[in-house]
Each structure stands twice: as C-alpha cells, then as structure tokens.
Amino acid sequence: MDFRQLRYFVAVYEEGHVGRAAERLSLSQPALSQQIRLLEHSLDVSLFERSSKRLLPTLAAHTLYNHAVPLLEGMQRARDALRNFKGQSQRTLAIGVLQTVHSSLVPQMLERVRKAQPHLVVQIYELTGMEIERRLLNGSLDIGISYLPPRQPGLHGLLLYEDELQLVIPANHPLREFKKVSLSQAAELPMLLLGEEFQIRQIWQSQLSNLGRRAHVQAELNNMAGILDSLAYTKLVTVLPGCARDIQENNELLWKPISEPRVPLKVGLVYRDAQRQQATLELLRSVLEEVLNHSIEPLEGL
C-alpha cells in the first residue's frame, strides 16, 4: 500500500463509481480498477461490494477511509511546507481573533506583518474564544488572539495588554451621573448581551455567580457593533471591554467602570507549541506591541 493507492481509494470511496473516480483522477477505468484490486490484495480485505450501478463500501473501507484522509492531508501539508524551500509557494499564517479585542489590532497588524514578511499570507478569522481554542488544538489555526489564560489543556498564553469590563448604558439612563457602577448594581439591570458562546458573556456570568447572582438577560446579539448600535434605542445596558469604546460611532452611550470588584481582562497570544512557533510568536508579539504602543498606554510587563 502506498499514498498513490490511498488517493485512488479515497476517490472511489467518495464517488461510489469507478468511472467518475477515474475521471476525477484523470486515469483510465481499467487502470484504476487494477489499483483497487492490488490494494485489496495487499491488505487482504474486500473494500467494495460490486453492483451493476455503483460500488458499496464495506466496513473495512469505512475504517480505511477514516485513516486515509488525515494521512493524505498530512502529506499535502508536508509537500506545501517543502515547496517553501524552493520558492514554489507562499507560507500561510492562520490567526483567530476575538471581535472584542482592541479594534486597531487587526488592520495595523496586517500592514506591519506584510512589510516584515512580504511572502507570508496572513489569514484572519473572527471567532469566539471557544472556537479559537478548538481550532488551535486541531491544527487549523496557528495563533489565536484571545483572553488569558486559555481554558483548554495543552494551550499557552502570552500577554499583550490588559483591559477591564465596563457597563455601557444609554445617555438618558438613570445611572448616567454615576462615575462607577458596582457589580451588584449592574447585576440588577436588564441587559442586551453577546451570546452564550462568547467569552465576555462567560466572564460576566462567572463574576455574577461569585455573588450568587445570575445575568438579567433580555436580549442577545452575536455582534458587538450591533449591540452598540442598538442600545441607544432601548432601555437595556450591556457589558463590554473598555477598548470596544473605539468602535462606538455615536455619543449616545456612556461607559461606566465596574467596581466592587472590578473585572480585569487579559488579552494575549494563544498558541499550542512554543518551540515550533517561536519565530511566529516573536514576529506577532513585536508587531502587536508596536501597534499597542501607538493606540493605548503601554502596560507594565510588555
């Protein structure tokens, strides 16, 4: 059995028909049929039950397919990586970003990375914290920009900046004159919040749980900008990171620090393998520190 035969097998399995698989592989039907027979002989199993209209995979075929696809994908990734040494393709860097991180990070990061590594293709995905960690673990993301510490074992974090959760209210709200709002006061307010899958929502609910309280949720949106656009037309409030104030497009909202206790947030790079990703981490850290130094006050420890 070799990778070529595995590729032929996957095509026949997915097409369920030798003719269509042969067309997909640019191969003659007799040659493809022979390769499948040779594969069955080498494995000493029957992979397909032949009928007049299509091929039906056996239980052995299902098992082989589940193992063959990751092997072929891994081989393709290895080939792509090796082509970089010959200048035949560009290297990609897949980054997952929370929509609640500092608004200047992504656009300015893209430009600085492009200048530092002109042959690097950067792919940005706006995801929830849970999805960022899931994709880091399955290898479909290289780096995440998310809240620290990571929740999944096997992931690590590198601090970029600190923020804190703030209460956002309409300008005519009864709390408009307050300089700060306590956590217990905020817990009483009807809210428009991000959905349960968002880490900000989970952090907020965890803080309330520590007081023996539950969030008073009246409505949900899965988009932070949409929440800010909607608040002025409701009597609801929300909680968001202080840095999200940068994307506010009107003056009809007020941002109040939460105290007793305050709710600190740590934002950083999340990754899986520090040794393998050291060069990428150093590149992104230096680029993002440069962005942050121009957009927010430098923090101790950066």
C-alpha atoms as a PDB file:
ATOM      1  CA  MET A   1       0.000   0.000   0.000  1.00  0.00           C
ATOM      2  CA  ASP A   2       1.284   3.465  -0.899  1.00  0.00           C
ATOM      3  CA  PHE A   3      -0.058   7.036  -0.878  1.00  0.00           C
ATOM      4  CA  ARG A   4      -0.961   6.817  -4.566  1.00  0.00           C
ATOM      5  CA  GLN A   5      -3.197   3.814  -3.938  1.00  0.00           C
ATOM      6  CA  LEU A   6      -4.733   5.557  -0.921  1.00  0.00           C
ATOM      7  CA  ARG A   7      -5.546   8.567  -3.079  1.00  0.00           C
ATOM      8  CA  TYR A   8      -7.182   6.290  -5.663  1.00  0.00           C
ATOM      9  CA  PHE A   9      -9.145   4.507  -2.940  1.00  0.00           C
ATOM     10  CA  VAL A  10     -10.431   7.798  -1.450  1.00  0.00           C
ATOM     11  CA  ALA A  11     -11.641   8.944  -4.875  1.00  0.00           C
ATOM     12  CA  VAL A  12     -13.539   5.683  -5.497  1.00  0.00           C
ATOM     13  CA  TYR A  13     -14.972   5.717  -1.965  1.00  0.00           C
ATOM     14  CA  GLU A  14     -16.213   9.304  -2.310  1.00  0.00           C
ATOM     15  CA  GLU A  15     -17.549   8.921  -5.836  1.00  0.00           C
ATOM     16  CA  GLY A  16     -19.057   5.455  -5.356  1.00  0.00           C
ATOM     17  CA  HIS A  17     -18.350   4.781  -9.019  1.00  0.00           C
ATOM     18  CA  VAL A  18     -15.145   3.761 -10.811  1.00  0.00           C
ATOM     19  CA  GLY A  19     -15.946   5.814 -13.909  1.00  0.00           C
ATOM     20  CA  ARG A  20     -16.462   9.079 -12.025  1.00  0.00           C
ATOM     21  CA  ALA A  21     -13.425   8.411  -9.834  1.00  0.00           C
ATOM     22  CA  ALA A  22     -11.277   7.708 -12.905  1.00  0.00           C
ATOM     23  CA  GLU A  23     -12.441  10.964 -14.489  1.00  0.00           C
ATOM     24  CA  ARG A  24     -11.646  12.846 -11.292  1.00  0.00           C
ATOM     25  CA  LEU A  25      -8.148  11.304 -11.223  1.00  0.00           C
ATOM     26  CA  SER A  26      -7.540  11.666 -14.995  1.00  0.00           C
ATOM     27  CA  LEU A  27      -6.970   7.914 -15.126  1.00  0.00           C
ATOM     28  CA  SER A  28      -8.430   5.110 -17.226  1.00  0.00           C
ATOM     29  CA  GLN A  29     -11.089   2.906 -15.631  1.00  0.00           C
ATOM     30  CA  PRO A  30      -9.162  -0.368 -16.121  1.00  0.00           C
ATOM     31  CA  ALA A  31      -6.022   1.122 -14.547  1.00  0.00           C
ATOM     32  CA  LEU A  32      -7.983   2.420 -11.544  1.00  0.00           C
ATOM     33  CA  SER A  33      -9.811  -0.884 -11.068  1.00  0.00           C
ATOM     34  CA  GLN A  34      -6.490  -2.721 -11.122  1.00  0.00           C
ATOM     35  CA  GLN A  35      -5.019  -0.436  -8.460  1.00  0.00           C
ATOM     36  CA  ILE A  36      -8.028  -1.002  -6.190  1.00  0.00           C
ATOM     37  CA  ARG A  37      -7.689  -4.759  -6.632  1.00  0.00           C
ATOM     38  CA  LEU A  38      -3.969  -4.541  -5.815  1.00  0.00           C
ATOM     39  CA  LEU A  39      -4.785  -2.534  -2.686  1.00  0.00           C
ATOM     40  CA  GLU A  40      -7.364  -5.119  -1.588  1.00  0.00           C
ATOM     41  CA  HIS A  41      -4.837  -7.905  -2.222  1.00  0.00           C
ATOM     42  CA  SER A  42      -2.086  -6.169  -0.217  1.00  0.00           C
ATOM     43  CA  LEU A  43      -4.460  -5.541   2.705  1.00  0.00           C
ATOM     44  CA  ASP A  44      -6.146  -8.947   2.370  1.00  0.00           C
ATOM     45  CA  VAL A  45      -9.612  -7.384   2.742  1.00  0.00           C
ATOM     46  CA  SER A  46     -12.520  -6.618   0.461  1.00  0.00           C
ATOM     47  CA  LEU A  47     -13.117  -2.879   0.222  1.00  0.00           C
ATOM     48  CA  PHE A  48     -16.135  -2.694  -2.073  1.00  0.00           C
ATOM     49  CA  GLU A  49     -19.152  -4.771  -2.931  1.00  0.00           C
ATOM     50  CA  ARG A  50     -19.680  -4.546  -6.692  1.00  0.00           C
ATOM     51  CA  SER A  51     -23.165  -3.948  -8.086  1.00  0.00           C
ATOM     52  CA  SER A  52     -24.371  -3.010 -11.536  1.00  0.00           C
ATOM     53  CA  LYS A  53     -24.806   0.682 -10.690  1.00  0.00           C
ATOM     54  CA  ARG A  54     -22.278   1.579  -8.011  1.00  0.00           C
ATOM     55  CA  LEU A  55     -19.689   0.352  -5.553  1.00  0.00           C
ATOM     56  CA  LEU A  56     -20.792  -0.127  -1.957  1.00  0.00           C
ATOM     57  CA  PRO A  57     -18.007   0.314   0.627  1.00  0.00           C
ATOM     58  CA  THR A  58     -17.545  -2.448   3.158  1.00  0.00           C
ATOM     59  CA  LEU A  59     -16.926  -1.924   6.860  1.00  0.00           C
ATOM     60  CA  ALA A  60     -13.206  -2.295   6.141  1.00  0.00           C
ATOM     61  CA  ALA A  61     -13.475   0.512   3.567  1.00  0.00           C
ATOM     62  CA  HIS A  62     -15.120   2.851   6.092  1.00  0.00           C
ATOM     63  CA  THR A  63     -12.294   2.155   8.523  1.00  0.00           C
ATOM     64  CA  LEU A  64      -9.588   2.676   5.906  1.00  0.00           C
ATOM     65  CA  TYR A  65     -11.189   5.913   4.690  1.00  0.00           C
ATOM     66  CA  ASN A  66     -11.202   7.407   8.199  1.00  0.00           C
ATOM     67  CA  HIS A  67      -7.467   6.744   8.437  1.00  0.00           C
ATOM     68  CA  ALA A  68      -6.570   7.585   4.834  1.00  0.00           C
ATOM     69  CA  VAL A  69      -7.970  11.125   4.701  1.00  0.00           C
ATOM     70  CA  PRO A  70      -5.816  12.527   7.572  1.00  0.00           C
ATOM     71  CA  LEU A  71      -2.760  10.771   6.106  1.00  0.00           C
ATOM     72  CA  LEU A  72      -3.300  12.318   2.660  1.00  0.00           C
ATOM     73  CA  GLU A  73      -3.996  15.742   4.140  1.00  0.00           C
ATOM     74  CA  GLY A  74      -0.829  15.499   6.213  1.00  0.00           C
ATOM     75  CA  MET A  75       1.197  14.525   3.161  1.00  0.00           C
ATOM     76  CA  GLN A  76      -0.194  17.508   1.248  1.00  0.00           C
ATOM     77  CA  ARG A  77       0.714  19.862   4.091  1.00  0.00           C
ATOM     78  CA  ALA A  78       4.229  18.392   4.135  1.00  0.00           C
ATOM     79  CA  ARG A  79       4.567  18.948   0.385  1.00  0.00           C
ATOM     80  CA  ASP A  80       3.318  22.533   0.719  1.00  0.00           C
ATOM     81  CA  ALA A  81       5.812  23.202   3.506  1.00  0.00           C
ATOM     82  CA  LEU A  82       8.707  21.774   1.500  1.00  0.00           C
ATOM     83  CA  ARG A  83       7.791  23.863  -1.543  1.00  0.00           C
ATOM     84  CA  ASN A  84       8.558  26.963   0.520  1.00  0.00           C
ATOM     85  CA  PHE A  85      12.219  25.998   0.440  1.00  0.00           C
ATOM     86  CA  LYS A  86      12.097  26.073  -3.352  1.00  0.00           C
ATOM     87  CA  GLY A  87      10.115  29.294  -3.517  1.00  0.00           C
ATOM     88  CA  GLN A  88       7.223  27.467  -5.209  1.00  0.00           C
ATOM     89  CA  SER A  89       4.502  28.708  -2.828  1.00  0.00           C
ATOM     90  CA  GLN A  90       3.826  31.250  -0.113  1.00  0.00           C
ATOM     91  CA  ARG A  91       3.612  30.296   3.536  1.00  0.00           C
ATOM     92  CA  THR A  92       0.321  30.959   5.314  1.00  0.00           C
ATOM     93  CA  LEU A  93      -0.322  32.090   8.884  1.00  0.00           C
ATOM     94  CA  ALA A  94      -3.866  31.463  10.186  1.00  0.00           C
ATOM     95  CA  ILE A  95      -4.866  33.679  13.120  1.00  0.00           C
ATOM     96  CA  GLY A  96      -8.127  33.542  15.076  1.00  0.00           C
ATOM     97  CA  VAL A  97      -9.211  36.838  16.644  1.00  0.00           C
ATOM     98  CA  LEU A  98     -11.987  37.737  19.075  1.00  0.00           C
ATOM     99  CA  GLN A  99     -14.274  40.514  17.851  1.00  0.00           C
ATOM    100  CA  THR A 100     -13.980  42.071  21.332  1.00  0.00           C
ATOM    101  CA  VAL A 101     -10.224  42.728  21.203  1.00  0.00           C
ATOM    102  CA  HIS A 102      -8.756  46.174  20.547  1.00  0.00           C
ATOM    103  CA  SER A 103     -10.163  47.405  17.236  1.00  0.00           C
ATOM    104  CA  SER A 104      -6.832  48.670  15.881  1.00  0.00           C
ATOM    105  CA  LEU A 105      -5.036  45.332  16.242  1.00  0.00           C
ATOM    106  CA  VAL A 106      -6.080  43.535  13.067  1.00  0.00           C
ATOM    107  CA  PRO A 107      -5.759  46.248  10.383  1.00  0.00           C
ATOM    108  CA  GLN A 108      -2.462  47.579  11.710  1.00  0.00           C
ATOM    109  CA  MET A 109      -1.108  44.089  12.354  1.00  0.00           C
ATOM    110  CA  LEU A 110      -1.795  43.081   8.754  1.00  0.00           C
ATOM    111  CA  GLU A 111       0.137  46.008   7.335  1.00  0.00           C
ATOM    112  CA  ARG A 112       3.135  45.561   9.630  1.00  0.00           C
ATOM    113  CA  VAL A 113       3.340  41.795   9.061  1.00  0.00           C
ATOM    114  CA  ARG A 114       3.129  42.377   5.304  1.00  0.00           C
ATOM    115  CA  LYS A 115       6.117  44.715   5.475  1.00  0.00           C
ATOM    116  CA  ALA A 116       8.104  42.396   7.757  1.00  0.00           C
ATOM    117  CA  GLN A 117       7.289  39.184   5.842  1.00  0.00           C
ATOM    118  CA  PRO A 118       6.155  40.079   2.293  1.00  0.00           C
ATOM    119  CA  HIS A 119       5.937  36.411   1.253  1.00  0.00           C
ATOM    120  CA  LEU A 120       3.695  35.453   4.170  1.00  0.00           C
ATOM    121  CA  VAL A 121      -0.055  35.110   3.507  1.00  0.00           C
ATOM    122  CA  VAL A 122      -1.978  36.058   6.661  1.00  0.00           C
ATOM    123  CA  GLN A 123      -5.452  34.560   7.109  1.00  0.00           C
ATOM    124  CA  ILE A 124      -7.619  36.236   9.769  1.00  0.00           C
ATOM    125  CA  TYR A 125     -10.728  34.572  11.209  1.00  0.00           C
ATOM    126  CA  GLU A 126     -13.098  36.360  13.611  1.00  0.00           C
ATOM    127  CA  LEU A 127     -14.150  33.636  16.075  1.00  0.00           C
ATOM    128  CA  THR A 128     -15.382  33.044  19.595  1.00  0.00           C
ATOM    129  CA  GLY A 129     -12.833  32.117  22.250  1.00  0.00           C
ATOM    130  CA  MET A 130     -14.135  28.552  22.347  1.00  0.00           C
ATOM    131  CA  GLU A 131     -13.757  28.172  18.582  1.00  0.00           C
ATOM    132  CA  ILE A 132     -10.248  29.690  18.612  1.00  0.00           C
ATOM    133  CA  GLU A 133      -9.100  27.139  21.170  1.00  0.00           C
ATOM    134  CA  ARG A 134     -10.781  24.259  19.337  1.00  0.00           C
ATOM    135  CA  ARG A 135      -9.101  25.184  16.056  1.00  0.00           C
ATOM    136  CA  LEU A 136      -5.711  25.634  17.721  1.00  0.00           C
ATOM    137  CA  LEU A 137      -5.978  22.122  19.120  1.00  0.00           C
ATOM    138  CA  ASN A 138      -6.997  20.550  15.802  1.00  0.00           C
ATOM    139  CA  GLY A 139      -4.281  22.428  13.897  1.00  0.00           C
ATOM    140  CA  SER A 140      -6.475  24.588  11.629  1.00  0.00           C
ATOM    141  CA  LEU A 141      -5.233  27.782  13.350  1.00  0.00           C
ATOM    142  CA  ASP A 142      -1.630  28.742  14.061  1.00  0.00           C
ATOM    143  CA  ILE A 143      -2.187  31.503  16.624  1.00  0.00           C
ATOM    144  CA  GLY A 144      -5.139  32.994  18.495  1.00  0.00           C
ATOM    145  CA  ILE A 145      -5.656  36.461  19.971  1.00  0.00           C
ATOM    146  CA  SER A 146      -7.947  35.822  22.904  1.00  0.00           C
ATOM    147  CA  TYR A 147      -8.465  36.205  26.635  1.00  0.00           C
ATOM    148  CA  LEU A 148      -5.974  34.653  29.035  1.00  0.00           C
ATOM    149  CA  PRO A 149      -5.486  32.168  30.470  1.00  0.00           C
ATOM    150  CA  PRO A 150      -6.552  29.605  27.843  1.00  0.00           C
ATOM    151  CA  ARG A 151      -9.190  27.221  29.139  1.00  0.00           C
ATOM    152  CA  GLN A 152      -8.104  24.099  27.251  1.00  0.00           C
ATOM    153  CA  PRO A 153      -5.167  21.954  28.468  1.00  0.00           C
ATOM    154  CA  GLY A 154      -2.254  21.990  26.050  1.00  0.00           C
ATOM    155  CA  LEU A 155      -2.595  25.683  25.132  1.00  0.00           C
ATOM    156  CA  HIS A 156      -0.385  28.539  26.341  1.00  0.00           C
ATOM    157  CA  GLY A 157      -0.729  32.315  26.510  1.00  0.00           C
ATOM    158  CA  LEU A 158       1.497  35.367  26.072  1.00  0.00           C
ATOM    159  CA  LEU A 159       0.163  38.668  27.466  1.00  0.00           C
ATOM    160  CA  LEU A 160      -0.323  41.593  25.060  1.00  0.00           C
ATOM    161  CA  TYR A 161      -2.413  44.068  27.040  1.00  0.00           C
ATOM    162  CA  GLU A 162      -4.864  44.391  29.910  1.00  0.00           C
ATOM    163  CA  ASP A 163      -8.387  45.760  29.805  1.00  0.00           C
ATOM    164  CA  GLU A 164     -11.439  45.659  32.047  1.00  0.00           C
ATOM    165  CA  LEU A 165     -15.135  45.013  31.687  1.00  0.00           C
ATOM    166  CA  GLN A 166     -17.294  48.151  31.632  1.00  0.00           C
ATOM    167  CA  LEU A 167     -21.011  48.837  31.802  1.00  0.00           C
ATOM    168  CA  VAL A 168     -22.375  50.543  28.679  1.00  0.00           C
ATOM    169  CA  ILE A 169     -25.635  52.488  29.104  1.00  0.00           C
ATOM    170  CA  PRO A 170     -27.783  54.865  27.021  1.00  0.00           C
ATOM    171  CA  ALA A 171     -27.101  58.573  27.696  1.00  0.00           C
ATOM    172  CA  ASN A 172     -30.523  59.012  29.342  1.00  0.00           C
ATOM    173  CA  HIS A 173     -30.136  56.060  31.732  1.00  0.00           C
ATOM    174  CA  PRO A 174     -30.792  56.658  35.484  1.00  0.00           C
ATOM    175  CA  LEU A 175     -27.149  55.753  36.204  1.00  0.00           C
ATOM    176  CA  ARG A 176     -25.792  58.411  33.828  1.00  0.00           C
ATOM    177  CA  GLU A 177     -24.376  60.552  36.681  1.00  0.00           C
ATOM    178  CA  PHE A 178     -22.523  57.679  38.314  1.00  0.00           C
ATOM    179  CA  LYS A 179     -18.749  57.657  37.849  1.00  0.00           C
ATOM    180  CA  LYS A 180     -18.613  53.932  38.602  1.00  0.00           C
ATOM    181  CA  VAL A 181     -21.175  51.182  38.975  1.00  0.00           C
ATOM    182  CA  SER A 182     -20.769  48.324  41.412  1.00  0.00           C
ATOM    183  CA  LEU A 183     -21.034  44.748  40.263  1.00  0.00           C
ATOM    184  CA  SER A 184     -24.124  44.225  42.443  1.00  0.00           C
ATOM    185  CA  GLN A 185     -25.805  47.305  40.927  1.00  0.00           C
ATOM    186  CA  ALA A 186     -25.050  46.122  37.402  1.00  0.00           C
ATOM    187  CA  ALA A 187     -26.454  42.673  38.226  1.00  0.00           C
ATOM    188  CA  GLU A 188     -29.908  44.239  38.702  1.00  0.00           C
ATOM    189  CA  LEU A 189     -30.062  45.795  35.229  1.00  0.00           C
ATOM    190  CA  PRO A 190     -31.846  44.245  32.219  1.00  0.00           C
ATOM    191  CA  MET A 191     -29.218  43.576  29.571  1.00  0.00           C
ATOM    192  CA  LEU A 192     -28.526  43.126  25.883  1.00  0.00           C
ATOM    193  CA  LEU A 193     -25.567  40.733  25.779  1.00  0.00           C
ATOM    194  CA  LEU A 194     -23.398  38.753  23.424  1.00  0.00           C
ATOM    195  CA  GLY A 195     -24.462  35.104  23.129  1.00  0.00           C
ATOM    196  CA  GLU A 196     -23.518  32.302  25.495  1.00  0.00           C
ATOM    197  CA  GLU A 197     -20.694  31.191  23.194  1.00  0.00           C
ATOM    198  CA  PHE A 198     -18.764  34.446  23.703  1.00  0.00           C
ATOM    199  CA  GLN A 199     -16.080  34.585  26.367  1.00  0.00           C
ATOM    200  CA  ILE A 200     -17.118  38.064  27.543  1.00  0.00           C
ATOM    201  CA  ARG A 201     -20.557  36.671  28.361  1.00  0.00           C
ATOM    202  CA  GLN A 202     -18.999  33.728  30.189  1.00  0.00           C
ATOM    203  CA  ILE A 203     -16.693  36.023  32.191  1.00  0.00           C
ATOM    204  CA  TRP A 204     -19.639  38.226  33.162  1.00  0.00           C
ATOM    205  CA  GLN A 205     -21.761  35.272  34.257  1.00  0.00           C
ATOM    206  CA  SER A 206     -18.855  33.867  36.265  1.00  0.00           C
ATOM    207  CA  GLN A 207     -18.464  37.173  38.128  1.00  0.00           C
ATOM    208  CA  LEU A 208     -22.164  37.257  38.953  1.00  0.00           C
ATOM    209  CA  SER A 209     -22.072  33.619  40.028  1.00  0.00           C
ATOM    210  CA  ASN A 210     -19.423  34.539  42.606  1.00  0.00           C
ATOM    211  CA  LEU A 211     -22.042  36.868  44.140  1.00  0.00           C
ATOM    212  CA  GLY A 212     -24.719  34.219  43.923  1.00  0.00           C
ATOM    213  CA  ARG A 213     -26.453  36.167  41.142  1.00  0.00           C
ATOM    214  CA  ARG A 214     -27.491  35.499  37.547  1.00  0.00           C
ATOM    215  CA  ALA A 215     -27.372  37.761  34.496  1.00  0.00           C
ATOM    216  CA  HIS A 216     -30.648  39.581  33.770  1.00  0.00           C
ATOM    217  CA  VAL A 217     -30.681  38.895  30.027  1.00  0.00           C
ATOM    218  CA  GLN A 218     -33.475  40.483  27.978  1.00  0.00           C
ATOM    219  CA  ALA A 219     -31.928  40.151  24.505  1.00  0.00           C
ATOM    220  CA  GLU A 220     -28.861  38.714  22.738  1.00  0.00           C
ATOM    221  CA  LEU A 221     -26.862  39.654  19.642  1.00  0.00           C
ATOM    222  CA  ASN A 222     -23.806  37.882  18.245  1.00  0.00           C
ATOM    223  CA  ASN A 223     -22.172  41.103  17.046  1.00  0.00           C
ATOM    224  CA  MET A 224     -20.582  43.727  19.281  1.00  0.00           C
ATOM    225  CA  ALA A 225     -21.092  46.607  16.835  1.00  0.00           C
ATOM    226  CA  GLY A 226     -24.760  45.642  16.530  1.00  0.00           C
ATOM    227  CA  ILE A 227     -25.155  45.809  20.304  1.00  0.00           C
ATOM    228  CA  LEU A 228     -23.645  49.298  20.421  1.00  0.00           C
ATOM    229  CA  ASP A 229     -25.888  50.450  17.575  1.00  0.00           C
ATOM    230  CA  SER A 230     -28.985  49.091  19.328  1.00  0.00           C
ATOM    231  CA  LEU A 231     -28.501  50.288  22.907  1.00  0.00           C
ATOM    232  CA  ALA A 232     -29.453  53.930  22.276  1.00  0.00           C
ATOM    233  CA  TYR A 233     -32.905  52.777  21.101  1.00  0.00           C
ATOM    234  CA  THR A 234     -33.604  50.598  24.155  1.00  0.00           C
ATOM    235  CA  LYS A 235     -33.667  50.813  27.924  1.00  0.00           C
ATOM    236  CA  LEU A 236     -31.177  47.966  28.111  1.00  0.00           C
ATOM    237  CA  VAL A 237     -27.477  48.038  29.053  1.00  0.00           C
ATOM    238  CA  THR A 238     -24.544  45.793  28.249  1.00  0.00           C
ATOM    239  CA  VAL A 239     -21.054  44.859  29.428  1.00  0.00           C
ATOM    240  CA  LEU A 240     -18.088  45.056  27.056  1.00  0.00           C
ATOM    241  CA  PRO A 241     -14.302  45.506  27.248  1.00  0.00           C
ATOM    242  CA  GLY A 242     -13.278  49.147  27.650  1.00  0.00           C
ATOM    243  CA  CYS A 243     -11.308  49.019  24.382  1.00  0.00           C
ATOM    244  CA  ALA A 244     -14.573  48.446  22.481  1.00  0.00           C
ATOM    245  CA  ARG A 245     -15.340  52.127  23.018  1.00  0.00           C
ATOM    246  CA  ASP A 246     -13.135  52.835  19.996  1.00  0.00           C
ATOM    247  CA  ILE A 247     -15.722  51.392  17.613  1.00  0.00           C
ATOM    248  CA  GLN A 248     -18.619  53.453  19.021  1.00  0.00           C
ATOM    249  CA  GLU A 249     -19.919  55.711  16.259  1.00  0.00           C
ATOM    250  CA  ASN A 250     -22.214  57.960  18.302  1.00  0.00           C
ATOM    251  CA  ASN A 251     -22.181  59.903  21.567  1.00  0.00           C
ATOM    252  CA  GLU A 252     -25.453  58.477  22.848  1.00  0.00           C
ATOM    253  CA  LEU A 253     -23.768  55.837  25.017  1.00  0.00           C
ATOM    254  CA  LEU A 254     -21.916  56.182  28.311  1.00  0.00           C
ATOM    255  CA  TRP A 255     -19.210  53.836  29.565  1.00  0.00           C
ATOM    256  CA  LYS A 256     -19.005  53.225  33.306  1.00  0.00           C
ATOM    257  CA  PRO A 257     -16.195  51.300  35.025  1.00  0.00           C
ATOM    258  CA  ILE A 258     -17.416  48.370  37.106  1.00  0.00           C
ATOM    259  CA  SER A 259     -16.113  48.203  40.661  1.00  0.00           C
ATOM    260  CA  GLU A 260     -16.508  46.257  43.894  1.00  0.00           C
ATOM    261  CA  PRO A 261     -14.885  44.293  42.362  1.00  0.00           C
ATOM    262  CA  ARG A 262     -13.559  45.483  39.016  1.00  0.00           C
ATOM    263  CA  VAL A 263     -13.458  42.825  36.296  1.00  0.00           C
ATOM    264  CA  PRO A 264      -9.960  42.704  34.753  1.00  0.00           C
ATOM    265  CA  LEU A 265      -9.368  41.199  31.328  1.00  0.00           C
ATOM    266  CA  LYS A 266      -6.056  39.938  29.960  1.00  0.00           C
ATOM    267  CA  VAL A 267      -5.659  39.704  26.199  1.00  0.00           C
ATOM    268  CA  GLY A 268      -2.803  37.816  24.592  1.00  0.00           C
ATOM    269  CA  LEU A 269      -1.492  35.403  22.014  1.00  0.00           C
ATOM    270  CA  VAL A 270      -2.753  31.848  22.473  1.00  0.00           C
ATOM    271  CA  TYR A 271      -0.765  29.000  20.941  1.00  0.00           C
ATOM    272  CA  ARG A 272      -0.054  25.310  21.167  1.00  0.00           C
ATOM    273  CA  ASP A 273       3.661  24.660  20.619  1.00  0.00           C
ATOM    274  CA  ALA A 274       6.048  27.377  21.855  1.00  0.00           C
ATOM    275  CA  GLN A 275       9.159  25.710  20.466  1.00  0.00           C
ATOM    276  CA  ARG A 276       7.792  25.146  16.983  1.00  0.00           C
ATOM    277  CA  GLN A 277       6.063  28.538  16.839  1.00  0.00           C
ATOM    278  CA  GLN A 278       8.790  30.624  18.445  1.00  0.00           C
ATOM    279  CA  ALA A 279       9.610  32.652  15.321  1.00  0.00           C
ATOM    280  CA  THR A 280       5.929  33.369  14.611  1.00  0.00           C
ATOM    281  CA  LEU A 281       5.280  34.350  18.226  1.00  0.00           C
ATOM    282  CA  GLU A 282       8.213  36.750  18.245  1.00  0.00           C
ATOM    283  CA  LEU A 283       7.068  38.322  14.963  1.00  0.00           C
ATOM    284  CA  LEU A 284       3.491  38.831  16.126  1.00  0.00           C
ATOM    285  CA  ARG A 285       4.458  39.997  19.593  1.00  0.00           C
ATOM    286  CA  SER A 286       6.819  42.655  18.253  1.00  0.00           C
ATOM    287  CA  VAL A 287       4.279  43.788  15.638  1.00  0.00           C
ATOM    288  CA  LEU A 288       1.385  43.933  18.093  1.00  0.00           C
ATOM    289  CA  GLU A 289       3.409  45.732  20.759  1.00  0.00           C
ATOM    290  CA  GLU A 290       4.223  48.375  18.159  1.00  0.00           C
ATOM    291  CA  VAL A 291       0.508  48.720  17.343  1.00  0.00           C
ATOM    292  CA  LEU A 292      -0.472  48.884  21.013  1.00  0.00           C
ATOM    293  CA  ASN A 293       2.190  51.461  21.835  1.00  0.00           C
ATOM    294  CA  HIS A 294       0.578  53.768  19.287  1.00  0.00           C
ATOM    295  CA  SER A 295      -3.011  53.124  20.341  1.00  0.00           C
ATOM    296  CA  ILE A 296      -3.144  52.563  24.104  1.00  0.00           C
ATOM    297  CA  GLU A 297      -0.844  53.338  27.023  1.00  0.00           C
ATOM    298  CA  PRO A 298       1.971  50.797  27.349  1.00  0.00           C
ATOM    299  CA  LEU A 299       1.392  48.324  30.147  1.00  0.00           C
ATOM    300  CA  GLU A 300       3.912  47.176  32.674  1.00  0.00           C
ATOM    301  CA  GLY A 301       5.448  43.882  31.633  1.00  0.00           C
ATOM    302  CA  LEU A 302       5.094  44.355  27.879  1.00  0.00           C
END
